[in-house]
C-alpha atoms as a PDB file:
ATOM      1  CA  MET A   1       0.100  -0.072  -0.114  1.00  0.00           C
ATOM      2  CA  GLY A   2       1.568   3.116  -0.865  1.00  0.00           C
ATOM      3  CA  ARG A   3       1.230   6.648   0.932  1.00  0.00           C
ATOM      4  CA  ASP A   4      -1.858   7.491  -1.269  1.00  0.00           C
ATOM      5  CA  GLY A   5      -3.518   4.053  -0.052  1.00  0.00           C
ATOM      6  CA  ARG A   6      -3.267   2.268  -3.652  1.00  0.00           C
ATOM      7  CA  LEU A   7      -1.828  -0.934  -4.284  1.00  0.00           C
ATOM      8  CA  GLY A   8       1.169  -1.186  -6.906  1.00  0.00           C
ATOM      9  CA  PRO A   9       4.123  -3.542  -7.430  1.00  0.00           C
ATOM     10  CA  ALA A  10       6.761  -3.741  -5.186  1.00  0.00           C
ATOM     11  CA  ARG A  11      10.212  -2.616  -6.182  1.00  0.00           C
ATOM     12  CA  GLY A  12      11.537  -4.297  -9.270  1.00  0.00           C
ATOM     13  CA  GLY A  13       8.051  -5.026 -10.408  1.00  0.00           C
ATOM     14  CA  GLU A  14       7.550  -8.235  -8.288  1.00  0.00           C
ATOM     15  CA  PRO A  15       3.861  -8.714  -7.097  1.00  0.00           C
ATOM     16  CA  PRO A  16       3.129  -7.125  -3.845  1.00  0.00           C
ATOM     17  CA  LEU A  17       3.015  -9.204  -0.617  1.00  0.00           C
ATOM     18  CA  ARG A  18       0.069  -9.247   1.775  1.00  0.00           C
ATOM     19  CA  LEU A  19       1.782  -8.371   5.140  1.00  0.00           C
ATOM     20  CA  LEU A  20       0.828  -8.454   8.829  1.00  0.00           C
ATOM     21  CA  PHE A  21       3.335  -6.183  10.754  1.00  0.00           C
ATOM     22  CA  ALA A  22       4.140  -7.040  14.274  1.00  0.00           C
ATOM     23  CA  GLY A  23       5.998  -4.417  16.365  1.00  0.00           C
ATOM     24  CA  THR A  24       5.255  -2.167  19.504  1.00  0.00           C
ATOM     25  CA  PRO A  25       7.908   0.525  20.511  1.00  0.00           C
ATOM     26  CA  ALA A  26       9.055   3.600  18.697  1.00  0.00           C
ATOM     27  CA  PRO A  27      12.111   2.029  17.093  1.00  0.00           C
ATOM     28  CA  ALA A  28       9.680  -0.120  15.174  1.00  0.00           C
ATOM     29  CA  VAL A  29       7.743   2.858  13.593  1.00  0.00           C
ATOM     30  CA  PRO A  30      10.262   3.514  10.845  1.00  0.00           C
ATOM     31  CA  SER A  31       9.891   0.008   9.612  1.00  0.00           C
ATOM     32  CA  LEU A  32       6.029   0.224   9.472  1.00  0.00           C
ATOM     33  CA  GLU A  33       6.598   3.551   7.681  1.00  0.00           C
ATOM     34  CA  ALA A  34       8.903   1.783   5.178  1.00  0.00           C
ATOM     35  CA  LEU A  35       6.332  -0.584   4.415  1.00  0.00           C
ATOM     36  CA  LEU A  36       3.455   1.724   4.079  1.00  0.00           C
ATOM     37  CA  GLY A  37       5.710   3.763   1.662  1.00  0.00           C
ATOM     38  CA  SER A  38       6.222   0.840  -0.492  1.00  0.00           C
ATOM     39  CA  GLY A  39       4.313  -1.334  -2.951  1.00  0.00           C
ATOM     40  CA  HIS A  40       3.523  -4.171  -0.478  1.00  0.00           C
ATOM     41  CA  GLU A  41       0.078  -4.091   1.328  1.00  0.00           C
ATOM     42  CA  VAL A  42       0.141  -4.128   5.062  1.00  0.00           C
ATOM     43  CA  VAL A  43      -3.369  -5.649   5.900  1.00  0.00           C
ATOM     44  CA  ALA A  44      -3.144  -5.361   9.675  1.00  0.00           C
ATOM     45  CA  VAL A  45      -0.751  -4.663  12.607  1.00  0.00           C
ATOM     46  CA  LEU A  46      -0.299  -6.862  15.500  1.00  0.00           C
ATOM     47  CA  THR A  47       0.968  -5.004  18.753  1.00  0.00           C
ATOM     48  CA  ARG A  48       0.895  -5.447  22.528  1.00  0.00           C
ATOM     49  CA  PRO A  49      -2.097  -4.457  24.242  1.00  0.00           C
ATOM     50  CA  ASP A  50      -2.714  -0.848  25.706  1.00  0.00           C
ATOM     51  CA  ALA A  51      -0.748  -0.173  28.921  1.00  0.00           C
ATOM     52  CA  ARG A  52      -0.089   2.217  31.463  1.00  0.00           C
ATOM     53  CA  ARG A  53       2.744   4.485  30.867  1.00  0.00           C
ATOM     54  CA  GLY A  54       4.427   7.699  32.280  1.00  0.00           C
ATOM     55  CA  ARG A  55       4.053   9.358  35.856  1.00  0.00           C
ATOM     56  CA  GLY A  56       0.441   9.821  35.306  1.00  0.00           C
ATOM     57  CA  ARG A  57       0.174   6.151  34.632  1.00  0.00           C
ATOM     58  CA  SER A  58      -2.684   6.616  32.029  1.00  0.00           C
ATOM     59  CA  VAL A  59      -3.465   3.830  29.649  1.00  0.00           C
ATOM     60  CA  GLY A  60      -1.864   4.540  26.152  1.00  0.00           C
ATOM     61  CA  ARG A  61      -1.499   2.909  23.044  1.00  0.00           C
ATOM     62  CA  SER A  62       1.825   1.526  21.587  1.00  0.00           C
ATOM     63  CA  PRO A  63       3.784   3.920  19.190  1.00  0.00           C
ATOM     64  CA  VAL A  64       2.959   1.241  16.470  1.00  0.00           C
ATOM     65  CA  ALA A  65      -0.607   1.274  17.292  1.00  0.00           C
ATOM     66  CA  GLU A  66      -0.886   4.895  17.121  1.00  0.00           C
ATOM     67  CA  ARG A  67       0.846   5.003  13.682  1.00  0.00           C
ATOM     68  CA  ALA A  68      -1.536   2.243  12.562  1.00  0.00           C
ATOM     69  CA  ASP A  69      -4.420   4.021  13.702  1.00  0.00           C
ATOM     70  CA  ALA A  70      -3.503   7.314  11.812  1.00  0.00           C
ATOM     71  CA  ALA A  71      -2.742   4.895   8.579  1.00  0.00           C
ATOM     72  CA  GLY A  72      -6.369   3.412   9.127  1.00  0.00           C
ATOM     73  CA  ILE A  73      -4.982   0.005   9.414  1.00  0.00           C
ATOM     74  CA  PRO A  74      -6.722  -2.667  11.641  1.00  0.00           C
ATOM     75  CA  VAL A  75      -4.801  -3.138  14.819  1.00  0.00           C
ATOM     76  CA  LEU A  76      -4.655  -6.546  16.626  1.00  0.00           C
ATOM     77  CA  GLN A  77      -3.889  -6.622  20.357  1.00  0.00           C
ATOM     78  CA  PRO A  78      -4.380 -10.146  21.711  1.00  0.00           C
ATOM     79  CA  ARG A  79      -2.884 -10.799  25.435  1.00  0.00           C
ATOM     80  CA  SER A  80      -0.858 -13.514  23.837  1.00  0.00           C
ATOM     81  CA  PRO A  81      -0.549 -14.583  19.902  1.00  0.00           C
ATOM     82  CA  ARG A  82      -1.423 -18.307  21.399  1.00  0.00           C
ATOM     83  CA  GLU A  83      -5.102 -17.052  21.551  1.00  0.00           C
ATOM     84  CA  PRO A  84      -7.270 -19.032  19.403  1.00  0.00           C
ATOM     85  CA  GLU A  85      -9.131 -15.840  18.379  1.00  0.00           C
ATOM     86  CA  PHE A  86      -5.852 -14.399  17.118  1.00  0.00           C
ATOM     87  CA  LEU A  87      -4.863 -17.387  15.146  1.00  0.00           C
ATOM     88  CA  GLU A  88      -8.374 -17.478  13.625  1.00  0.00           C
ATOM     89  CA  ARG A  89      -7.991 -13.871  12.593  1.00  0.00           C
ATOM     90  CA  LEU A  90      -4.390 -14.327  11.215  1.00  0.00           C
ATOM     91  CA  ALA A  91      -5.517 -17.330   9.168  1.00  0.00           C
ATOM     92  CA  GLU A  92      -8.448 -15.099   7.774  1.00  0.00           C
ATOM     93  CA  LEU A  93      -5.991 -12.335   6.982  1.00  0.00           C
ATOM     94  CA  ALA A  94      -4.218 -14.740   4.321  1.00  0.00           C
ATOM     95  CA  VAL A  95      -1.046 -13.001   4.639  1.00  0.00           C
ATOM     96  CA  ASP A  96       2.140 -13.750   2.509  1.00  0.00           C
ATOM     97  CA  CYS A  97       4.649 -12.756   5.281  1.00  0.00           C
ATOM     98  CA  ALA A  98       4.641 -11.320   8.820  1.00  0.00           C
ATOM     99  CA  PRO A  99       7.554  -8.884   9.157  1.00  0.00           C
ATOM    100  CA  VAL A 100       8.422  -8.407  12.986  1.00  0.00           C
ATOM    101  CA  VAL A 101      10.212  -5.479  14.709  1.00  0.00           C
ATOM    102  CA  ALA A 102      10.429  -5.649  18.347  1.00  0.00           C
ATOM    103  CA  TYR A 103       7.053  -7.132  18.966  1.00  0.00           C
ATOM    104  CA  GLY A 104       7.523  -8.133  22.561  1.00  0.00           C
ATOM    105  CA  ALA A 105       6.212 -11.538  22.903  1.00  0.00           C
ATOM    106  CA  LEU A 106       6.863 -14.968  21.565  1.00  0.00           C
ATOM    107  CA  VAL A 107       5.119 -16.305  18.454  1.00  0.00           C
ATOM    108  CA  PRO A 108       4.009 -19.874  18.837  1.00  0.00           C
ATOM    109  CA  GLN A 109       4.538 -22.250  16.007  1.00  0.00           C
ATOM    110  CA  ALA A 110       0.978 -22.447  15.077  1.00  0.00           C
ATOM    111  CA  ALA A 111       1.041 -18.718  14.117  1.00  0.00           C
ATOM    112  CA  LEU A 112       4.630 -18.889  12.296  1.00  0.00           C
ATOM    113  CA  ASP A 113       3.348 -21.722  10.118  1.00  0.00           C
ATOM    114  CA  VAL A 114       0.419 -19.601   8.592  1.00  0.00           C
ATOM    115  CA  PRO A 115       1.940 -17.062   6.302  1.00  0.00           C
ATOM    116  CA  VAL A 116       3.481 -18.616   2.963  1.00  0.00           C
ATOM    117  CA  HIS A 117       6.731 -16.837   3.569  1.00  0.00           C
ATOM    118  CA  GLY A 118       6.879 -17.139   7.508  1.00  0.00           C
ATOM    119  CA  TRP A 119       7.702 -14.372   9.854  1.00  0.00           C
ATOM    120  CA  VAL A 120      10.856 -12.311   8.951  1.00  0.00           C
ATOM    121  CA  ASN A 121      12.363 -10.390  12.087  1.00  0.00           C
ATOM    122  CA  LEU A 122      14.511  -7.388  12.002  1.00  0.00           C
ATOM    123  CA  HIS A 123      16.803  -7.790  14.911  1.00  0.00           C
ATOM    124  CA  PHE A 124      19.456  -4.985  16.087  1.00  0.00           C
ATOM    125  CA  SER A 125      22.467  -7.022  15.998  1.00  0.00           C
ATOM    126  CA  LEU A 126      24.737  -9.019  13.852  1.00  0.00           C
ATOM    127  CA  LEU A 127      23.312 -12.412  14.375  1.00  0.00           C
ATOM    128  CA  PRO A 128      24.488 -14.761  16.016  1.00  0.00           C
ATOM    129  CA  ALA A 129      25.803 -12.180  18.232  1.00  0.00           C
ATOM    130  CA  TRP A 130      23.593 -10.696  20.991  1.00  0.00           C
ATOM    131  CA  ARG A 131      20.625 -12.884  20.602  1.00  0.00           C
ATOM    132  CA  GLY A 132      17.895 -11.856  22.864  1.00  0.00           C
ATOM    133  CA  ALA A 133      15.996  -8.793  24.174  1.00  0.00           C
ATOM    134  CA  ALA A 134      18.525  -6.192  24.494  1.00  0.00           C
ATOM    135  CA  PRO A 135      21.162  -6.418  21.560  1.00  0.00           C
ATOM    136  CA  VAL A 136      21.840  -2.872  21.464  1.00  0.00           C
ATOM    137  CA  GLN A 137      22.323  -2.268  25.102  1.00  0.00           C
ATOM    138  CA  HIS A 138      24.666  -5.432  25.400  1.00  0.00           C
ATOM    139  CA  ALA A 139      26.752  -4.495  22.382  1.00  0.00           C
ATOM    140  CA  ILE A 140      27.569  -0.840  23.980  1.00  0.00           C
ATOM    141  CA  MET A 141      28.074  -2.578  27.744  1.00  0.00           C
ATOM    142  CA  ALA A 142      30.482  -5.141  26.215  1.00  0.00           C
ATOM    143  CA  GLY A 143      32.611  -2.218  24.299  1.00  0.00           C
ATOM    144  CA  ASP A 144      31.915  -3.680  20.855  1.00  0.00           C
ATOM    145  CA  GLU A 145      32.996  -1.164  18.118  1.00  0.00           C
ATOM    146  CA  ILE A 146      30.805  -2.474  15.320  1.00  0.00           C
ATOM    147  CA  THR A 147      27.239  -3.808  15.397  1.00  0.00           C
ATOM    148  CA  GLY A 148      24.295  -3.657  13.018  1.00  0.00           C
ATOM    149  CA  ALA A 149      20.835  -5.293  12.257  1.00  0.00           C
ATOM    150  CA  ALA A 150      19.872  -8.512  10.739  1.00  0.00           C
ATOM    151  CA  THR A 151      16.785  -9.925   8.978  1.00  0.00           C
ATOM    152  CA  PHE A 152      16.083 -13.660   9.636  1.00  0.00           C
ATOM    153  CA  ARG A 153      13.278 -16.245   9.536  1.00  0.00           C
ATOM    154  CA  LEU A 154      11.594 -16.274  12.746  1.00  0.00           C
ATOM    155  CA  GLU A 155      11.431 -19.939  14.263  1.00  0.00           C
ATOM    156  CA  ALA A 156      10.832 -21.500  17.869  1.00  0.00           C
ATOM    157  CA  GLY A 157      14.233 -20.807  18.905  1.00  0.00           C
ATOM    158  CA  LEU A 158      15.654 -17.721  20.676  1.00  0.00           C
ATOM    159  CA  ASP A 159      16.746 -15.650  17.358  1.00  0.00           C
ATOM    160  CA  THR A 160      18.293 -18.799  16.006  1.00  0.00           C
ATOM    161  CA  GLY A 161      16.687 -18.513  12.407  1.00  0.00           C
ATOM    162  CA  PRO A 162      18.450 -18.406   9.130  1.00  0.00           C
ATOM    163  CA  VAL A 163      19.536 -14.824   8.072  1.00  0.00           C
ATOM    164  CA  PHE A 164      18.523 -13.062   4.825  1.00  0.00           C
ATOM    165  CA  GLY A 165      20.695 -10.079   5.325  1.00  0.00           C
ATOM    166  CA  THR A 166      22.672  -7.590   7.367  1.00  0.00           C
ATOM    167  CA  VAL A 167      23.561  -4.041   7.767  1.00  0.00           C
ATOM    168  CA  THR A 168      26.481  -2.686   9.805  1.00  0.00           C
ATOM    169  CA  GLU A 169      26.662   0.360  12.075  1.00  0.00           C
ATOM    170  CA  PRO A 170      29.623   1.666  14.180  1.00  0.00           C
ATOM    171  CA  ILE A 171      29.298   2.405  17.679  1.00  0.00           C
ATOM    172  CA  GLY A 172      30.690   5.735  18.478  1.00  0.00           C
ATOM    173  CA  PRO A 173      32.516   6.314  21.789  1.00  0.00           C
ATOM    174  CA  ARG A 174      29.951   8.440  23.345  1.00  0.00           C
ATOM    175  CA  ASP A 175      26.732   6.737  21.763  1.00  0.00           C
ATOM    176  CA  THR A 176      24.098   5.809  24.199  1.00  0.00           C
ATOM    177  CA  ALA A 177      21.708   2.799  23.517  1.00  0.00           C
ATOM    178  CA  GLY A 178      19.074   5.353  22.428  1.00  0.00           C
ATOM    179  CA  ASP A 179      21.493   6.891  19.906  1.00  0.00           C
ATOM    180  CA  LEU A 180      22.463   3.672  18.347  1.00  0.00           C
ATOM    181  CA  LEU A 181      19.061   2.242  18.486  1.00  0.00           C
ATOM    182  CA  GLY A 182      17.515   5.498  16.500  1.00  0.00           C
ATOM    183  CA  ARG A 183      20.157   5.063  13.780  1.00  0.00           C
ATOM    184  CA  LEU A 184      19.618   1.273  13.553  1.00  0.00           C
ATOM    185  CA  ALA A 185      16.039   1.586  13.493  1.00  0.00           C
ATOM    186  CA  VAL A 186      16.293   3.772  10.264  1.00  0.00           C
ATOM    187  CA  SER A 187      18.814   1.622   8.548  1.00  0.00           C
ATOM    188  CA  GLY A 188      17.086  -1.671   9.578  1.00  0.00           C
ATOM    189  CA  ALA A 189      13.777  -0.402   8.070  1.00  0.00           C
ATOM    190  CA  GLN A 190      15.566  -0.347   4.648  1.00  0.00           C
ATOM    191  CA  LEU A 191      17.111  -3.709   5.304  1.00  0.00           C
ATOM    192  CA  LEU A 192      13.531  -5.293   6.274  1.00  0.00           C
ATOM    193  CA  LEU A 193      12.086  -3.617   3.090  1.00  0.00           C
ATOM    194  CA  ALA A 194      14.846  -4.794   0.831  1.00  0.00           C
ATOM    195  CA  THR A 195      14.462  -8.258   2.184  1.00  0.00           C
ATOM    196  CA  LEU A 196      10.742  -8.269   1.435  1.00  0.00           C
ATOM    197  CA  ASP A 197      11.322  -7.210  -1.958  1.00  0.00           C
ATOM    198  CA  GLY A 198      13.749 -10.019  -2.488  1.00  0.00           C
ATOM    199  CA  ILE A 199      11.366 -12.561  -0.971  1.00  0.00           C
ATOM    200  CA  ALA A 200       8.680 -11.162  -3.284  1.00  0.00           C
ATOM    201  CA  ALA A 201      10.681 -11.655  -6.249  1.00  0.00           C
ATOM    202  CA  GLY A 202      11.764 -15.171  -5.099  1.00  0.00           C
ATOM    203  CA  ALA A 203      15.426 -14.064  -5.361  1.00  0.00           C
ATOM    204  CA  LEU A 204      16.443 -14.337  -1.666  1.00  0.00           C
ATOM    205  CA  GLU A 205      17.062 -17.456   0.234  1.00  0.00           C
ATOM    206  CA  PRO A 206      18.152 -17.378   3.907  1.00  0.00           C
ATOM    207  CA  ARG A 207      21.478 -18.814   5.156  1.00  0.00           C
ATOM    208  CA  PRO A 208      21.747 -20.794   8.354  1.00  0.00           C
ATOM    209  CA  GLN A 209      23.642 -18.986  11.312  1.00  0.00           C
ATOM    210  CA  PRO A 210      27.145 -20.046  12.045  1.00  0.00           C
ATOM    211  CA  GLY A 211      27.592 -22.165  15.064  1.00  0.00           C
ATOM    212  CA  ASP A 212      30.320 -19.946  16.779  1.00  0.00           C
ATOM    213  CA  GLY A 213      30.017 -16.343  17.806  1.00  0.00           C
ATOM    214  CA  VAL A 214      26.935 -16.660  19.705  1.00  0.00           C
ATOM    215  CA  SER A 215      26.253 -14.246  22.445  1.00  0.00           C
ATOM    216  CA  LEU A 216      23.280 -13.619  24.560  1.00  0.00           C
ATOM    217  CA  ALA A 217      21.553 -10.355  25.393  1.00  0.00           C
ATOM    218  CA  PRO A 218      18.810 -10.694  27.937  1.00  0.00           C
ATOM    219  CA  ARG A 219      16.579  -7.990  29.112  1.00  0.00           C
ATOM    220  CA  ILE A 220      18.052  -5.370  31.196  1.00  0.00           C
ATOM    221  CA  GLU A 221      15.917  -4.668  34.431  1.00  0.00           C
ATOM    222  CA  VAL A 222      15.970  -1.705  36.642  1.00  0.00           C
ATOM    223  CA  ALA A 223      18.263  -3.470  39.141  1.00  0.00           C
ATOM    224  CA  ASP A 224      20.750  -4.361  36.548  1.00  0.00           C
ATOM    225  CA  ALA A 225      21.327  -0.635  35.882  1.00  0.00           C
ATOM    226  CA  ARG A 226      22.521  -0.077  39.224  1.00  0.00           C
ATOM    227  CA  VAL A 227      25.993   1.289  39.039  1.00  0.00           C
ATOM    228  CA  ASP A 228      28.767  -0.734  40.721  1.00  0.00           C
ATOM    229  CA  TRP A 229      31.308   1.837  41.506  1.00  0.00           C
ATOM    230  CA  SER A 230      34.089  -0.776  42.081  1.00  0.00           C
ATOM    231  CA  LEU A 231      34.444  -1.265  38.175  1.00  0.00           C
ATOM    232  CA  PRO A 232      37.045   0.663  36.206  1.00  0.00           C
ATOM    233  CA  ALA A 233      35.863   3.950  34.852  1.00  0.00           C
ATOM    234  CA  HIS A 234      35.721   2.793  31.344  1.00  0.00           C
ATOM    235  CA  VAL A 235      33.187  -0.168  32.193  1.00  0.00           C
ATOM    236  CA  VAL A 236      31.143   2.379  34.434  1.00  0.00           C
ATOM    237  CA  ASP A 237      31.023   4.606  31.307  1.00  0.00           C
ATOM    238  CA  ARG A 238      29.866   1.638  28.975  1.00  0.00           C
ATOM    239  CA  ARG A 239      27.466   0.357  31.482  1.00  0.00           C
ATOM    240  CA  VAL A 240      25.928   3.773  31.898  1.00  0.00           C
ATOM    241  CA  ARG A 241      25.459   4.590  28.179  1.00  0.00           C
ATOM    242  CA  GLY A 242      24.236   1.103  27.639  1.00  0.00           C
ATOM    243  CA  VAL A 243      20.987   1.682  29.844  1.00  0.00           C
ATOM    244  CA  THR A 244      20.532   5.229  28.729  1.00  0.00           C
ATOM    245  CA  PRO A 245      17.717   6.130  28.201  1.00  0.00           C
ATOM    246  CA  ALA A 246      16.218   3.023  29.618  1.00  0.00           C
ATOM    247  CA  PRO A 247      16.089   1.585  32.170  1.00  0.00           C
ATOM    248  CA  GLY A 248      18.468   4.402  33.157  1.00  0.00           C
ATOM    249  CA  ALA A 249      21.712   4.112  35.461  1.00  0.00           C
ATOM    250  CA  TRP A 250      21.174   4.756  38.888  1.00  0.00           C
ATOM    251  CA  THR A 251      23.046   4.826  42.270  1.00  0.00           C
ATOM    252  CA  THR A 252      21.942   5.822  45.651  1.00  0.00           C
ATOM    253  CA  TRP A 253      22.664   9.001  47.780  1.00  0.00           C
ATOM    254  CA  ARG A 254      21.963   9.258  51.342  1.00  0.00           C
ATOM    255  CA  GLY A 255      19.485   6.504  51.179  1.00  0.00           C
ATOM    256  CA  ASP A 256      17.727   7.782  48.161  1.00  0.00           C
ATOM    257  CA  ARG A 257      17.709   6.720  44.537  1.00  0.00           C
ATOM    258  CA  LEU A 258      19.877   9.107  42.080  1.00  0.00           C
ATOM    259  CA  ARG A 259      19.509   8.563  38.223  1.00  0.00           C
ATOM    260  CA  LEU A 260      22.562   9.156  36.260  1.00  0.00           C
ATOM    261  CA  GLY A 261      22.927  10.384  32.697  1.00  0.00           C
ATOM    262  CA  PRO A 262      26.007   9.501  30.749  1.00  0.00           C
ATOM    263  CA  VAL A 263      29.299  10.031  32.619  1.00  0.00           C
ATOM    264  CA  GLU A 264      32.938  10.871  31.317  1.00  0.00           C
ATOM    265  CA  PRO A 265      35.702   8.396  32.039  1.00  0.00           C
ATOM    266  CA  LEU A 266      38.793   9.856  33.549  1.00  0.00           C
ATOM    267  CA  PRO A 267      42.384   8.100  33.429  1.00  0.00           C
ATOM    268  CA  THR A 268      43.354   8.936  37.053  1.00  0.00           C
ATOM    269  CA  SER A 269      41.333   8.396  40.515  1.00  0.00           C
ATOM    270  CA  PHE A 270      42.163  11.806  41.798  1.00  0.00           C
ATOM    271  CA  GLY A 271      42.943   9.904  45.094  1.00  0.00           C
ATOM    272  CA  LEU A 272      39.241   9.042  45.214  1.00  0.00           C
ATOM    273  CA  GLU A 273      38.077   5.545  46.492  1.00  0.00           C
ATOM    274  CA  ALA A 274      35.256   3.708  44.851  1.00  0.00           C
ATOM    275  CA  GLY A 275      32.020   5.629  44.939  1.00  0.00           C
ATOM    276  CA  GLU A 276      33.737   8.794  46.750  1.00  0.00           C
ATOM    277  CA  LEU A 277      32.355  12.286  45.588  1.00  0.00           C
ATOM    278  CA  ALA A 278      34.572  15.251  44.946  1.00  0.00           C
ATOM    279  CA  VAL A 279      33.139  18.504  43.864  1.00  0.00           C
ATOM    280  CA  GLY A 280      35.429  21.039  42.410  1.00  0.00           C
ATOM    281  CA  PRO A 281      36.006  23.564  39.559  1.00  0.00           C
ATOM    282  CA  THR A 282      36.222  20.726  37.088  1.00  0.00           C
ATOM    283  CA  GLY A 283      32.829  19.601  38.078  1.00  0.00           C
ATOM    284  CA  VAL A 284      31.501  16.466  40.120  1.00  0.00           C
ATOM    285  CA  LEU A 285      33.775  13.412  40.268  1.00  0.00           C
ATOM    286  CA  VAL A 286      33.306  10.032  41.448  1.00  0.00           C
ATOM    287  CA  GLY A 287      35.899   7.404  42.138  1.00  0.00           C
ATOM    288  CA  THR A 288      35.926   3.978  40.549  1.00  0.00           C
ATOM    289  CA  GLY A 289      37.718   0.789  40.915  1.00  0.00           C
ATOM    290  CA  ARG A 290      40.254   2.120  38.361  1.00  0.00           C
ATOM    291  CA  GLY A 291      40.161   5.836  37.493  1.00  0.00           C
ATOM    292  CA  ALA A 292      37.347   8.158  38.071  1.00  0.00           C
ATOM    293  CA  VAL A 293      34.264   9.458  36.168  1.00  0.00           C
ATOM    294  CA  ARG A 294      32.744  13.128  35.887  1.00  0.00           C
ATOM    295  CA  LEU A 295      28.916  13.132  36.187  1.00  0.00           C
ATOM    296  CA  GLY A 296      26.937  14.629  33.534  1.00  0.00           C
ATOM    297  CA  GLU A 297      23.283  14.941  34.386  1.00  0.00           C
ATOM    298  CA  VAL A 298      21.764  13.606  37.710  1.00  0.00           C
ATOM    299  CA  GLN A 299      18.222  13.220  38.658  1.00  0.00           C
ATOM    300  CA  PRO A 300      17.462  12.935  42.476  1.00  0.00           C
ATOM    301  CA  ALA A 301      14.288  11.243  43.545  1.00  0.00           C
ATOM    302  CA  GLY A 302      11.215  13.084  42.742  1.00  0.00           C
ATOM    303  CA  LYS A 303      12.796  15.920  40.778  1.00  0.00           C
ATOM    304  CA  ARG A 304      13.945  16.608  37.160  1.00  0.00           C
ATOM    305  CA  MET A 305      17.270  16.010  35.439  1.00  0.00           C
ATOM    306  CA  LEU A 306      19.892  18.625  36.169  1.00  0.00           C
ATOM    307  CA  PRO A 307      23.616  19.366  35.632  1.00  0.00           C
ATOM    308  CA  ALA A 308      25.679  17.484  38.502  1.00  0.00           C
ATOM    309  CA  PRO A 309      27.237  20.703  39.651  1.00  0.00           C
ATOM    310  CA  ASP A 310      23.789  22.463  40.242  1.00  0.00           C
ATOM    311  CA  TRP A 311      22.891  19.324  42.176  1.00  0.00           C
ATOM    312  CA  ALA A 312      25.982  19.360  44.289  1.00  0.00           C
ATOM    313  CA  ARG A 313      25.354  22.840  45.202  1.00  0.00           C
ATOM    314  CA  GLY A 314      21.996  21.826  46.846  1.00  0.00           C
ATOM    315  CA  ALA A 315      23.212  18.478  48.046  1.00  0.00           C
ATOM    316  CA  ARG A 316      26.551  19.668  49.363  1.00  0.00           C
ATOM    317  CA  PRO A 317      28.291  16.493  49.934  1.00  0.00           C
ATOM    318  CA  GLU A 318      30.624  16.484  52.669  1.00  0.00           C
ATOM    319  CA  HIS A 319      34.471  15.480  52.395  1.00  0.00           C
ATOM    320  CA  GLY A 320      34.741  11.655  51.752  1.00  0.00           C
ATOM    321  CA  GLU A 321      31.003  11.145  51.336  1.00  0.00           C
ATOM    322  CA  ARG A 322      30.218   8.394  48.947  1.00  0.00           C
ATOM    323  CA  VAL A 323      27.384   7.512  46.512  1.00  0.00           C
ATOM    324  CA  GLY A 324      26.406   3.798  46.108  1.00  0.00           C
ATOM    325  CA  GLY A 325      25.975   3.070  49.761  1.00  0.00           C
END
């Protein structure tokens, strides 16, 4: 379906595919946009149910659902794709393929078997590296210099299916997970569209993933984002950037949680022990297991983000006082 709502041939003149797009968060929207602007027909969107979000805890639709609503596309929101009602609806749609970008739930074999060309997943890593829910975050935390995105045929295993294609992306020394994911969402959308065009033309076959080079990227919970100040400064830096903006790095200060924005690693400890604070003309420094970091922005409990020096003027840390408790 093109932007004017009319069907036309996919790129290269091949017949258009009938698609069910599955996705939920904002990084999936560029892929949906790319498919809406292509010659393929998005007949429905599968996304997670409406959920409470934000400080007000109001019920809101997912970014993908909102984009589908604006395009006038039917939205399917089963609690689980295992529900018989969803499987019946999937069969009725008679789709050729189901592209997936960060849908957020496991697709059962009964659903995988329905589309003629299966389900094609866009995953934000160079498989078999970083299989799992948080590939971008783990790539940054591990200190990788290169990552990318891959399209593969979804199967019952965790991101184990054969790969159609990849695109690479360098990881900058100051990239946060949000920065990197934003770029991969755009380049990955073009990869997904090219993959579907190749499938429609009968010119693309996936290749099995190699058996070596496998690494796992499990979901990062809030507890995992707590800073361990005993680690070296460069590792603290990577871990903070890897969980920015979500779930967000944090430590404790005088018994309360203190959220942290990206930090700057420094080669010397300035005589500071792990977690020890120092406030001076060069900013707010914290000692680590090796070296120190300069804090950027911080967010005290119940307040907004602000520059660390502004926070320190109000908090007035005493000599030798520490974060992290």
